[in-house]
């Protein structure tokens, strides 16, 4: 399938991604009293820790090409209140790559005669 804007794919988090996300959240926790005092409405990055190999949904926001192997950018939907911008990823089997979500086929239940 060809990646297109708005499609949702599954993204494998790399070690470098995990470090960046967790560091951003750690910094936010340390500055939480300052943010509360400001009452500015600034987003404070909070959420569960992320580790290499974790899989999260990514919404494709920009596609670079018109083929099944085209690179794309997207917003990673994390388990928290923040997003992570992923650039120049593609469909594949490695870290920092995406795959199409598996489809769950509906189960057919046979009718029972009374």
Protein backbone atom coordinates (compact mmCIF):
# COMPACT_ATOMS: atom_id res chain seq x y z
CA UNK A 1 0.00 0.00 0.00
CA UNK A 2 1.10 3.52 -0.71
CA UNK A 3 1.50 5.87 2.30
CA UNK A 4 -0.85 8.85 2.05
CA UNK A 5 -1.61 11.84 4.28
CA UNK A 6 -3.98 11.01 7.11
CA UNK A 7 -3.34 7.24 7.11
CA UNK A 8 -2.43 5.60 10.40
CA UNK A 9 0.52 3.22 10.54
CA UNK A 10 2.33 1.52 13.43
CA UNK A 11 5.78 2.93 14.24
CA UNK A 12 8.67 1.11 15.97
CA UNK A 13 10.42 3.45 18.40
CA UNK A 14 14.22 3.56 18.17
CA UNK A 15 16.52 3.88 21.16
CA UNK A 16 17.31 7.47 20.14
CA UNK A 17 13.58 8.30 19.93
CA UNK A 18 12.97 6.80 23.38
CA UNK A 19 15.81 8.82 24.92
CA UNK A 20 14.49 12.07 23.39
CA UNK A 21 10.88 11.45 24.49
CA UNK A 22 11.82 10.36 28.03
CA UNK A 23 14.24 13.28 28.45
CA UNK A 24 11.60 15.77 27.38
CA UNK A 25 9.17 14.27 29.91
CA UNK A 26 11.83 14.22 32.66
CA UNK A 27 12.60 17.91 32.03
CA UNK A 28 8.88 18.73 32.19
CA UNK A 29 8.46 16.92 35.55
CA UNK A 30 11.41 18.84 37.01
CA UNK A 31 9.90 22.17 35.94
CA UNK A 32 6.32 21.33 36.90
CA UNK A 33 6.10 23.83 39.82
CA UNK A 34 7.31 26.60 37.51
CA UNK A 35 4.66 25.72 34.91
CA UNK A 36 1.94 25.67 37.57
CA UNK A 37 2.99 29.11 38.81
CA UNK A 38 2.86 30.56 35.28
CA UNK A 39 -0.68 29.34 34.58
CA UNK A 40 0.12 29.97 30.94
CA UNK A 41 -1.49 26.90 29.44
CA UNK A 42 1.87 25.70 28.15
CA UNK A 43 1.93 21.98 27.41
CA UNK A 44 3.88 19.94 29.93
CA UNK A 45 5.00 16.63 28.46
CA UNK A 46 3.80 13.78 30.67
CA UNK A 47 3.19 10.11 30.04
CA UNK A 48 4.47 6.60 30.54
CA UNK A 49 8.12 5.81 29.79
CA UNK A 50 8.96 4.80 26.24
CA UNK A 51 11.51 2.13 25.33
CA UNK A 52 13.19 0.95 22.17
CA UNK A 53 10.94 -1.39 20.20
CA UNK A 54 7.68 0.00 21.57
CA UNK A 55 5.02 0.41 18.88
CA UNK A 56 2.69 3.42 18.71
CA UNK A 57 0.27 4.71 16.10
CA UNK A 58 1.60 7.38 13.75
CA UNK A 59 -0.56 9.65 11.60
CA UNK A 60 1.11 10.45 8.29
CA UNK A 61 1.36 14.23 7.78
CA UNK A 62 3.61 14.55 4.70
CA UNK A 63 4.65 12.09 1.99
CA UNK A 64 7.82 12.39 -0.08
CA UNK A 65 7.00 10.55 -3.29
CA UNK A 66 4.28 8.53 -4.94
CA UNK A 67 5.23 4.89 -4.37
CA UNK A 68 4.79 2.13 -1.79
CA UNK A 69 8.33 2.86 -0.56
CA UNK A 70 7.98 6.66 -0.30
CA UNK A 71 9.39 8.31 2.82
CA UNK A 72 7.02 10.27 5.04
CA UNK A 73 6.72 12.40 8.17
CA UNK A 74 4.14 11.97 10.90
CA UNK A 75 2.92 12.61 14.41
CA UNK A 76 3.48 9.74 16.83
CA UNK A 77 0.58 9.32 19.28
CA UNK A 78 2.27 8.52 22.58
CA UNK A 79 0.77 7.11 25.79
CA UNK A 80 0.55 10.54 27.39
CA UNK A 81 -0.54 14.06 26.58
CA UNK A 82 2.17 14.76 24.01
CA UNK A 83 3.15 13.86 20.46
CA UNK A 84 6.50 13.14 18.85
CA UNK A 85 7.33 14.34 15.36
CA UNK A 86 8.87 11.59 13.25
CA UNK A 87 10.64 12.63 10.06
CA UNK A 88 11.73 10.69 7.00
CA UNK A 89 10.50 7.26 7.99
CA UNK A 90 9.07 4.60 5.68
CA UNK A 91 7.39 1.21 5.63
CA UNK A 92 9.81 -1.51 6.79
CA UNK A 93 10.85 -4.00 9.47
CA UNK A 94 13.50 -2.01 11.37
CA UNK A 95 13.49 0.46 14.24
CA UNK A 96 12.29 3.92 13.11
CA UNK A 97 10.16 2.28 10.44
CA UNK A 98 6.43 1.66 10.15
CA UNK A 99 4.12 -1.16 9.26
CA UNK A 100 0.47 -1.34 8.34
CA UNK A 101 -1.82 -2.25 11.27
CA UNK A 102 -2.99 -5.84 11.11
CA UNK A 103 -6.67 -6.26 10.37
CA UNK A 104 -8.71 -8.27 12.81
CA UNK A 105 -11.22 -10.36 10.90
CA UNK A 106 -14.69 -10.60 12.48
CA UNK A 107 -15.56 -13.95 13.96
CA UNK A 108 -18.58 -15.73 12.57
CA UNK A 109 -20.73 -17.41 15.18
CA UNK A 110 -22.96 -20.23 13.96
CA UNK A 111 -26.60 -19.95 14.91
CA UNK A 112 -27.78 -22.58 17.36
CA UNK A 113 -31.10 -24.27 16.52
CA UNK A 114 -33.61 -24.21 19.37
